[in-house]
């Protein structure tokens, strides 16, 4: 048995793998949240300021959340010396579930907050619902990231390249 296989086998059953701490999960989730927040705020601001309907605005916001979420990871991995093609694969593997959970929770909070879908950029309700959604999404996504990192998935894939 080679060293890598031996390490993997001896690590099984002995608790969480190295790096599967709450601290690591929170850092990974905050990284994801930053990318999602930039994209989503930009998308919501664009759609709202152009008086688009709720559906096109949310589609734009969610799309931009994925774009910015992936791009933050992509740039970090490329900076670490990984090829662009490999970095795209790593970013997709690292962030897809995290961004999807974050966006599902965040947008559910916004959609379920009375009046938030009709609020304008100048109204506090717009910002409270959006930022409140991010806070709830952070709390919901952190355990998902911890679970994935503990299994060598999600942001664990990125940390292998730092």
N, C-alpha and C. Protein backbone atom coordinates (compact mmCIF):
# COMPACT_ATOMS: atom_id res chain seq x y z
N UNK A 1 0.85 -1.16 0.00
CA UNK A 1 0.00 0.00 0.00
C UNK A 1 0.90 1.23 0.00
N UNK A 2 0.64 2.19 -0.93
CA UNK A 2 1.46 3.38 -0.98
C UNK A 2 1.09 4.33 0.16
N UNK A 3 1.91 5.37 0.35
CA UNK A 3 1.73 6.28 1.47
C UNK A 3 0.36 6.97 1.43
N UNK A 4 -0.05 7.45 0.26
CA UNK A 4 -1.33 8.16 0.15
C UNK A 4 -2.49 7.24 0.51
N UNK A 5 -2.47 6.01 0.01
CA UNK A 5 -3.53 5.07 0.32
C UNK A 5 -3.50 4.73 1.80
N UNK A 6 -2.31 4.51 2.35
CA UNK A 6 -2.18 4.19 3.75
C UNK A 6 -2.72 5.34 4.61
N UNK A 7 -2.38 6.57 4.27
CA UNK A 7 -2.85 7.72 5.03
C UNK A 7 -4.37 7.79 4.98
N UNK A 8 -4.94 7.57 3.80
CA UNK A 8 -6.39 7.62 3.65
C UNK A 8 -7.06 6.55 4.50
N UNK A 9 -6.53 5.36 4.48
CA UNK A 9 -7.14 4.27 5.23
C UNK A 9 -6.98 4.46 6.74
N UNK A 10 -5.83 4.94 7.17
CA UNK A 10 -5.63 5.12 8.60
C UNK A 10 -6.43 6.30 9.11
N UNK A 11 -6.78 7.25 8.23
CA UNK A 11 -7.56 8.41 8.64
C UNK A 11 -9.03 8.05 8.82
N UNK A 12 -9.50 7.02 8.15
CA UNK A 12 -10.91 6.65 8.24
C UNK A 12 -11.22 6.14 9.63
N UNK A 13 -12.34 6.57 10.14
CA UNK A 13 -12.80 6.09 11.43
C UNK A 13 -12.14 6.77 12.62
N UNK A 14 -11.27 7.74 12.39
CA UNK A 14 -10.59 8.43 13.48
C UNK A 14 -11.07 9.87 13.59
N UNK A 15 -12.35 10.09 13.40
CA UNK A 15 -12.89 11.45 13.49
C UNK A 15 -12.76 12.16 12.16
N UNK A 16 -12.96 13.46 12.19
CA UNK A 16 -12.94 14.26 10.97
C UNK A 16 -11.51 14.39 10.46
N UNK A 17 -11.36 14.39 9.13
CA UNK A 17 -10.03 14.59 8.55
C UNK A 17 -9.49 15.97 8.93
N UNK A 18 -8.19 16.15 8.82
CA UNK A 18 -7.61 17.46 9.12
C UNK A 18 -8.30 18.54 8.28
N UNK A 19 -8.59 19.65 8.88
CA UNK A 19 -9.21 20.75 8.14
C UNK A 19 -10.72 20.76 8.23
N UNK A 20 -11.34 19.72 8.77
CA UNK A 20 -12.80 19.68 8.84
C UNK A 20 -13.28 20.28 10.16
N UNK A 21 -12.74 21.45 10.49
CA UNK A 21 -13.13 22.12 11.73
C UNK A 21 -14.22 23.14 11.43
N UNK A 22 -14.89 23.59 12.48
CA UNK A 22 -15.90 24.64 12.30
C UNK A 22 -15.24 25.91 11.80
N UNK A 23 -14.04 26.19 12.27
CA UNK A 23 -13.32 27.38 11.84
C UNK A 23 -13.06 27.35 10.33
N UNK A 24 -12.60 26.22 9.84
CA UNK A 24 -12.36 26.06 8.40
C UNK A 24 -13.65 26.20 7.62
N UNK A 25 -14.71 25.59 8.13
CA UNK A 25 -16.01 25.66 7.45
C UNK A 25 -16.54 27.09 7.41
N UNK A 26 -16.38 27.82 8.50
CA UNK A 26 -16.83 29.21 8.53
C UNK A 26 -16.04 30.05 7.54
N UNK A 27 -14.72 29.86 7.50
CA UNK A 27 -13.88 30.61 6.54
C UNK A 27 -14.29 30.29 5.11
N UNK A 28 -14.51 29.02 4.80
CA UNK A 28 -14.93 28.63 3.45
C UNK A 28 -16.29 29.25 3.11
N UNK A 29 -17.18 29.25 4.09
CA UNK A 29 -18.52 29.78 3.85
C UNK A 29 -18.48 31.30 3.68
N UNK A 30 -17.66 31.97 4.48
CA UNK A 30 -17.52 33.43 4.32
C UNK A 30 -16.94 33.78 2.96
N UNK A 31 -15.99 32.98 2.48
CA UNK A 31 -15.41 33.18 1.15
C UNK A 31 -16.51 33.05 0.10
N UNK A 32 -17.31 32.02 0.23
CA UNK A 32 -18.42 31.80 -0.69
C UNK A 32 -19.44 32.94 -0.58
N UNK A 33 -19.74 33.34 0.64
CA UNK A 33 -20.72 34.40 0.87
C UNK A 33 -20.27 35.70 0.22
N UNK A 34 -18.98 36.00 0.29
CA UNK A 34 -18.48 37.23 -0.31
C UNK A 34 -18.76 37.26 -1.82
N UNK A 35 -18.41 36.18 -2.50
CA UNK A 35 -18.67 36.12 -3.94
C UNK A 35 -20.15 36.18 -4.25
N UNK A 36 -20.95 35.43 -3.48
CA UNK A 36 -22.40 35.43 -3.68
C UNK A 36 -22.99 36.81 -3.43
N UNK A 37 -22.54 37.46 -2.37
CA UNK A 37 -23.08 38.77 -2.01
C UNK A 37 -22.78 39.81 -3.09
N UNK A 38 -21.55 39.82 -3.58
CA UNK A 38 -21.19 40.78 -4.63
C UNK A 38 -22.09 40.57 -5.85
N UNK A 39 -22.19 39.33 -6.29
CA UNK A 39 -23.01 39.04 -7.47
C UNK A 39 -24.49 39.30 -7.24
N UNK A 40 -24.98 38.87 -6.09
CA UNK A 40 -26.41 39.03 -5.84
C UNK A 40 -26.80 40.49 -5.64
N UNK A 41 -26.01 41.23 -4.89
CA UNK A 41 -26.33 42.65 -4.69
C UNK A 41 -26.29 43.39 -6.03
N UNK A 42 -25.28 43.10 -6.84
CA UNK A 42 -25.18 43.72 -8.16
C UNK A 42 -26.41 43.37 -9.01
N UNK A 43 -26.77 42.09 -9.03
CA UNK A 43 -27.93 41.66 -9.82
C UNK A 43 -29.24 42.27 -9.33
N UNK A 44 -29.43 42.28 -8.00
CA UNK A 44 -30.66 42.87 -7.44
C UNK A 44 -30.70 44.37 -7.71
N UNK A 45 -29.57 45.03 -7.59
CA UNK A 45 -29.52 46.47 -7.84
C UNK A 45 -29.81 46.78 -9.30
N UNK A 46 -29.22 46.01 -10.20
CA UNK A 46 -29.45 46.24 -11.64
C UNK A 46 -30.92 45.99 -11.97
N UNK A 47 -31.45 44.83 -11.58
CA UNK A 47 -32.83 44.49 -11.91
C UNK A 47 -33.82 45.46 -11.30
N UNK A 48 -33.58 45.85 -10.05
CA UNK A 48 -34.50 46.77 -9.37
C UNK A 48 -34.44 48.16 -9.99
N UNK A 49 -33.23 48.64 -10.27
CA UNK A 49 -33.09 49.99 -10.83
C UNK A 49 -33.65 50.07 -12.25
N UNK A 50 -33.65 48.95 -12.97
CA UNK A 50 -34.22 48.93 -14.32
C UNK A 50 -35.71 48.57 -14.32
N UNK A 51 -36.27 48.43 -13.12
CA UNK A 51 -37.70 48.10 -12.94
C UNK A 51 -38.07 46.77 -13.61
N UNK A 52 -37.14 45.83 -13.59
CA UNK A 52 -37.45 44.49 -14.10
C UNK A 52 -38.39 43.83 -13.11
N UNK A 53 -39.04 42.80 -13.56
CA UNK A 53 -39.90 42.02 -12.67
C UNK A 53 -39.06 41.20 -11.70
N UNK A 54 -39.74 40.57 -10.77
CA UNK A 54 -39.04 39.77 -9.75
C UNK A 54 -38.26 38.60 -10.32
N UNK A 55 -38.87 37.89 -11.26
CA UNK A 55 -38.21 36.69 -11.79
C UNK A 55 -36.92 37.04 -12.55
N UNK A 56 -36.97 37.96 -13.53
CA UNK A 56 -35.70 38.27 -14.21
C UNK A 56 -34.65 38.86 -13.28
N UNK A 57 -35.07 39.65 -12.29
CA UNK A 57 -34.12 40.22 -11.34
C UNK A 57 -33.46 39.12 -10.53
N UNK A 58 -34.24 38.17 -10.03
CA UNK A 58 -33.67 37.07 -9.24
C UNK A 58 -32.79 36.17 -10.09
N UNK A 59 -33.18 35.92 -11.34
CA UNK A 59 -32.36 35.10 -12.22
C UNK A 59 -31.01 35.78 -12.45
N UNK A 60 -31.03 37.09 -12.70
CA UNK A 60 -29.77 37.82 -12.88
C UNK A 60 -28.94 37.78 -11.60
N UNK A 61 -29.57 38.02 -10.46
CA UNK A 61 -28.85 38.03 -9.18
C UNK A 61 -28.22 36.67 -8.87
N UNK A 62 -28.98 35.62 -9.08
CA UNK A 62 -28.46 34.26 -8.82
C UNK A 62 -27.34 33.93 -9.80
N UNK A 63 -27.53 34.27 -11.07
CA UNK A 63 -26.49 34.02 -12.07
C UNK A 63 -25.20 34.75 -11.73
N UNK A 64 -25.31 36.01 -11.34
CA UNK A 64 -24.12 36.77 -10.97
C UNK A 64 -23.50 36.26 -9.67
N UNK A 65 -24.32 35.75 -8.76
CA UNK A 65 -23.78 35.17 -7.52
C UNK A 65 -22.89 33.97 -7.86
N UNK A 66 -23.33 33.12 -8.79
CA UNK A 66 -22.51 31.98 -9.20
C UNK A 66 -21.25 32.46 -9.91
N UNK A 67 -21.38 33.44 -10.81
CA UNK A 67 -20.23 33.95 -11.55
C UNK A 67 -19.17 34.51 -10.59
N UNK A 68 -19.58 35.37 -9.67
CA UNK A 68 -18.62 35.96 -8.74
C UNK A 68 -18.10 34.91 -7.75
N UNK A 69 -18.97 34.03 -7.28
CA UNK A 69 -18.54 32.98 -6.37
C UNK A 69 -17.47 32.09 -6.98
N UNK A 70 -17.72 31.66 -8.21
CA UNK A 70 -16.73 30.83 -8.91
C UNK A 70 -15.46 31.63 -9.20
N UNK A 71 -15.62 32.88 -9.63
CA UNK A 71 -14.45 33.65 -10.05
C UNK A 71 -13.49 33.92 -8.90
N UNK A 72 -14.00 34.14 -7.69
CA UNK A 72 -13.11 34.36 -6.56
C UNK A 72 -12.21 33.14 -6.34
N UNK A 73 -12.79 31.97 -6.40
CA UNK A 73 -12.01 30.73 -6.25
C UNK A 73 -11.09 30.53 -7.44
N UNK A 74 -11.61 30.75 -8.62
CA UNK A 74 -10.84 30.56 -9.85
C UNK A 74 -9.57 31.41 -9.83
N UNK A 75 -9.69 32.68 -9.49
CA UNK A 75 -8.52 33.56 -9.47
C UNK A 75 -7.51 33.12 -8.42
N UNK A 76 -7.98 32.71 -7.25
CA UNK A 76 -7.08 32.27 -6.19
C UNK A 76 -6.30 31.02 -6.60
N UNK A 77 -6.97 30.09 -7.25
CA UNK A 77 -6.33 28.84 -7.65
C UNK A 77 -5.35 29.09 -8.80
N UNK A 78 -5.72 29.93 -9.75
CA UNK A 78 -4.82 30.27 -10.85
C UNK A 78 -3.58 30.99 -10.30
N UNK A 79 -3.78 31.89 -9.33
CA UNK A 79 -2.65 32.58 -8.69
C UNK A 79 -1.70 31.60 -8.02
N UNK A 80 -2.24 30.46 -7.57
CA UNK A 80 -1.41 29.45 -6.92
C UNK A 80 -0.64 28.60 -7.93
N UNK A 81 -0.83 28.87 -9.23
CA UNK A 81 -0.05 28.19 -10.25
C UNK A 81 -0.76 27.07 -10.99
N UNK A 82 -2.07 26.94 -10.80
CA UNK A 82 -2.84 25.90 -11.47
C UNK A 82 -3.29 26.43 -12.84
N UNK A 83 -3.32 25.57 -13.84
CA UNK A 83 -3.75 25.99 -15.17
C UNK A 83 -5.21 26.44 -15.13
N UNK A 84 -5.59 27.28 -16.08
CA UNK A 84 -6.97 27.80 -16.12
C UNK A 84 -7.98 26.66 -16.25
N UNK A 85 -7.69 25.69 -17.11
CA UNK A 85 -8.62 24.57 -17.30
C UNK A 85 -8.80 23.79 -15.99
N UNK A 86 -7.70 23.48 -15.32
CA UNK A 86 -7.79 22.76 -14.05
C UNK A 86 -8.46 23.62 -12.99
N UNK A 87 -8.20 24.92 -13.01
CA UNK A 87 -8.79 25.84 -12.02
C UNK A 87 -10.31 25.90 -12.17
N UNK A 88 -10.80 25.87 -13.40
CA UNK A 88 -12.26 25.87 -13.63
C UNK A 88 -12.87 24.62 -13.01
N UNK A 89 -12.25 23.47 -13.24
CA UNK A 89 -12.74 22.22 -12.66
C UNK A 89 -12.74 22.27 -11.14
N UNK A 90 -11.66 22.82 -10.58
CA UNK A 90 -11.55 22.93 -9.12
C UNK A 90 -12.62 23.87 -8.57
N UNK A 91 -12.81 25.02 -9.21
CA UNK A 91 -13.81 25.98 -8.74
C UNK A 91 -15.21 25.38 -8.80
N UNK A 92 -15.52 24.67 -9.87
CA UNK A 92 -16.85 24.04 -9.98
C UNK A 92 -17.03 23.00 -8.87
N UNK A 93 -16.01 22.19 -8.63
CA UNK A 93 -16.09 21.17 -7.59
C UNK A 93 -16.16 21.78 -6.20
N UNK A 94 -15.44 22.86 -6.00
CA UNK A 94 -15.34 23.46 -4.67
C UNK A 94 -16.59 24.25 -4.29
N UNK A 95 -17.20 24.92 -5.25
CA UNK A 95 -18.20 25.93 -4.91
C UNK A 95 -19.65 25.63 -5.30
N UNK A 96 -19.89 24.69 -6.17
CA UNK A 96 -21.25 24.51 -6.68
C UNK A 96 -22.27 24.25 -5.58
N UNK A 97 -22.02 23.29 -4.72
CA UNK A 97 -22.99 22.97 -3.67
C UNK A 97 -23.12 24.13 -2.70
N UNK A 98 -22.01 24.72 -2.30
CA UNK A 98 -22.02 25.83 -1.35
C UNK A 98 -22.82 27.01 -1.90
N UNK A 99 -22.56 27.41 -3.13
CA UNK A 99 -23.27 28.53 -3.74
C UNK A 99 -24.75 28.18 -3.90
N UNK A 100 -25.05 26.97 -4.33
CA UNK A 100 -26.44 26.57 -4.53
C UNK A 100 -27.24 26.63 -3.22
N UNK A 101 -26.67 26.10 -2.15
CA UNK A 101 -27.35 26.14 -0.85
C UNK A 101 -27.51 27.59 -0.40
N UNK A 102 -26.44 28.36 -0.54
CA UNK A 102 -26.48 29.75 -0.12
C UNK A 102 -27.56 30.53 -0.88
N UNK A 103 -27.61 30.35 -2.17
CA UNK A 103 -28.59 31.06 -2.99
C UNK A 103 -30.02 30.60 -2.71
N UNK A 104 -30.19 29.31 -2.51
CA UNK A 104 -31.53 28.78 -2.20
C UNK A 104 -32.05 29.40 -0.90
N UNK A 105 -31.22 29.38 0.13
CA UNK A 105 -31.63 29.91 1.44
C UNK A 105 -31.82 31.42 1.38
N UNK A 106 -30.85 32.12 0.83
CA UNK A 106 -30.91 33.57 0.76
C UNK A 106 -32.15 34.03 0.00
N UNK A 107 -32.39 33.45 -1.15
CA UNK A 107 -33.54 33.87 -1.95
C UNK A 107 -34.86 33.44 -1.33
N UNK A 108 -34.87 32.34 -0.60
CA UNK A 108 -36.09 31.94 0.11
C UNK A 108 -36.43 32.98 1.19
N UNK A 109 -35.41 33.44 1.91
CA UNK A 109 -35.64 34.47 2.93
C UNK A 109 -36.21 35.74 2.29
N UNK A 110 -35.62 36.15 1.20
CA UNK A 110 -36.10 37.36 0.51
C UNK A 110 -37.53 37.15 0.02
N UNK A 111 -37.78 36.01 -0.62
CA UNK A 111 -39.12 35.74 -1.17
C UNK A 111 -40.18 35.64 -0.07
N UNK A 112 -39.80 35.15 1.10
CA UNK A 112 -40.76 34.97 2.18
C UNK A 112 -40.89 36.18 3.11
N UNK A 113 -40.05 37.19 2.91
CA UNK A 113 -40.15 38.42 3.71
C UNK A 113 -41.23 39.30 3.10
N UNK A 114 -42.31 39.54 3.84
CA UNK A 114 -43.41 40.34 3.28
C UNK A 114 -42.94 41.70 2.75
N UNK A 115 -43.26 41.98 1.50
CA UNK A 115 -42.94 43.25 0.87
C UNK A 115 -41.55 43.34 0.28
N UNK A 116 -40.66 42.41 0.60
CA UNK A 116 -39.27 42.53 0.14
C UNK A 116 -39.14 42.46 -1.38
N UNK A 117 -39.95 41.64 -1.99
CA UNK A 117 -39.84 41.49 -3.45
C UNK A 117 -40.29 42.76 -4.19
N UNK A 118 -41.05 43.61 -3.54
CA UNK A 118 -41.50 44.85 -4.16
C UNK A 118 -40.76 46.08 -3.66
N UNK A 119 -39.83 45.89 -2.73
CA UNK A 119 -39.08 47.01 -2.16
C UNK A 119 -38.11 47.59 -3.18
N UNK A 120 -37.87 48.87 -3.07
CA UNK A 120 -36.94 49.57 -3.96
C UNK A 120 -35.57 49.70 -3.28
N UNK A 121 -34.56 50.04 -4.07
CA UNK A 121 -33.19 50.19 -3.55
C UNK A 121 -33.12 51.22 -2.43
N UNK A 122 -33.96 52.21 -2.46
CA UNK A 122 -33.93 53.28 -1.46
C UNK A 122 -34.63 52.90 -0.15
N UNK A 123 -35.26 51.74 -0.12
CA UNK A 123 -36.02 51.33 1.07
C UNK A 123 -35.19 50.39 1.95
N UNK A 124 -35.29 50.60 3.25
CA UNK A 124 -34.58 49.75 4.20
C UNK A 124 -34.97 48.29 4.07
N UNK A 125 -36.24 48.03 3.77
CA UNK A 125 -36.70 46.65 3.66
C UNK A 125 -35.92 45.87 2.60
N UNK A 126 -35.59 46.53 1.49
CA UNK A 126 -34.80 45.88 0.44
C UNK A 126 -33.49 45.36 1.02
N UNK A 127 -32.79 46.24 1.75
CA UNK A 127 -31.47 45.90 2.28
C UNK A 127 -31.55 44.96 3.48
N UNK A 128 -32.55 45.15 4.35
CA UNK A 128 -32.71 44.25 5.50
C UNK A 128 -32.99 42.82 5.06
N UNK A 129 -33.87 42.68 4.07
CA UNK A 129 -34.21 41.34 3.59
C UNK A 129 -32.99 40.70 2.93
N UNK A 130 -32.28 41.47 2.12
CA UNK A 130 -31.11 40.95 1.42
C UNK A 130 -30.01 40.55 2.41
N UNK A 131 -29.68 41.44 3.34
CA UNK A 131 -28.62 41.14 4.31
C UNK A 131 -29.06 40.08 5.32
N UNK A 132 -30.33 40.10 5.70
CA UNK A 132 -30.86 39.05 6.58
C UNK A 132 -30.80 37.69 5.91
N UNK A 133 -31.09 37.67 4.61
CA UNK A 133 -30.99 36.43 3.85
C UNK A 133 -29.57 35.90 3.83
N UNK A 134 -28.60 36.81 3.70
CA UNK A 134 -27.19 36.39 3.72
C UNK A 134 -26.82 35.79 5.08
N UNK A 135 -27.31 36.40 6.15
CA UNK A 135 -27.01 35.90 7.50
C UNK A 135 -27.57 34.50 7.70
N UNK A 136 -28.81 34.29 7.30
CA UNK A 136 -29.43 32.97 7.42
C UNK A 136 -28.71 31.97 6.53
N UNK A 137 -28.34 32.40 5.33
CA UNK A 137 -27.62 31.52 4.40
C UNK A 137 -26.26 31.12 4.96
N UNK A 138 -25.57 32.04 5.63
CA UNK A 138 -24.29 31.71 6.26
C UNK A 138 -24.49 30.61 7.30
N UNK A 139 -25.51 30.75 8.12
CA UNK A 139 -25.79 29.75 9.16
C UNK A 139 -26.18 28.41 8.56
N UNK A 140 -26.91 28.42 7.47
CA UNK A 140 -27.37 27.17 6.85
C UNK A 140 -26.26 26.49 6.03
N UNK A 141 -25.39 27.27 5.44
CA UNK A 141 -24.37 26.72 4.53
C UNK A 141 -23.13 26.25 5.27
N UNK A 142 -22.80 26.82 6.40
CA UNK A 142 -21.60 26.43 7.14
C UNK A 142 -21.58 24.94 7.48
N UNK A 143 -22.66 24.36 8.03
CA UNK A 143 -22.61 22.91 8.29
C UNK A 143 -22.47 22.07 7.02
N UNK A 144 -23.05 22.54 5.93
CA UNK A 144 -22.90 21.83 4.65
C UNK A 144 -21.43 21.83 4.23
N UNK A 145 -20.77 22.99 4.33
CA UNK A 145 -19.36 23.07 3.98
C UNK A 145 -18.50 22.23 4.91
N UNK A 146 -18.81 22.22 6.20
CA UNK A 146 -18.05 21.41 7.15
C UNK A 146 -18.17 19.93 6.77
N UNK A 147 -19.36 19.50 6.46
CA UNK A 147 -19.61 18.11 6.08
C UNK A 147 -18.81 17.77 4.81
N UNK A 148 -18.84 18.67 3.81
CA UNK A 148 -18.13 18.42 2.55
C UNK A 148 -16.61 18.42 2.75
N UNK A 149 -16.09 19.39 3.49
CA UNK A 149 -14.65 19.46 3.74
C UNK A 149 -14.19 18.20 4.46
N UNK A 150 -14.99 17.72 5.40
CA UNK A 150 -14.66 16.51 6.15
C UNK A 150 -14.60 15.27 5.28
N UNK A 151 -15.18 15.35 4.10
CA UNK A 151 -15.15 14.22 3.16
C UNK A 151 -14.23 14.49 1.97
N UNK A 152 -13.40 15.55 2.09
CA UNK A 152 -12.46 15.85 1.01
C UNK A 152 -13.09 16.52 -0.19
N UNK A 153 -14.30 17.05 -0.01
CA UNK A 153 -15.02 17.70 -1.11
C UNK A 153 -15.11 19.20 -0.85
N UNK A 154 -15.78 19.91 -1.75
CA UNK A 154 -16.00 21.34 -1.56
C UNK A 154 -14.69 22.09 -1.45
N UNK A 155 -14.59 22.95 -0.45
CA UNK A 155 -13.40 23.79 -0.31
C UNK A 155 -12.15 23.01 0.04
N UNK A 156 -12.29 21.76 0.45
CA UNK A 156 -11.11 20.93 0.67
C UNK A 156 -10.33 20.76 -0.63
N UNK A 157 -11.04 20.76 -1.75
CA UNK A 157 -10.41 20.65 -3.06
C UNK A 157 -9.54 21.88 -3.33
N UNK A 158 -10.02 23.05 -2.93
CA UNK A 158 -9.25 24.27 -3.12
C UNK A 158 -8.03 24.30 -2.21
N UNK A 159 -8.21 23.89 -0.96
CA UNK A 159 -7.10 23.95 0.01
C UNK A 159 -5.94 23.04 -0.39
N UNK A 160 -6.21 22.06 -1.19
CA UNK A 160 -5.13 21.19 -1.68
C UNK A 160 -4.20 21.95 -2.62
N UNK A 161 -4.67 23.11 -3.13
CA UNK A 161 -3.88 23.88 -4.10
C UNK A 161 -3.33 25.18 -3.53
N UNK A 162 -3.42 25.35 -2.24
CA UNK A 162 -2.89 26.58 -1.60
C UNK A 162 -1.50 26.33 -1.11
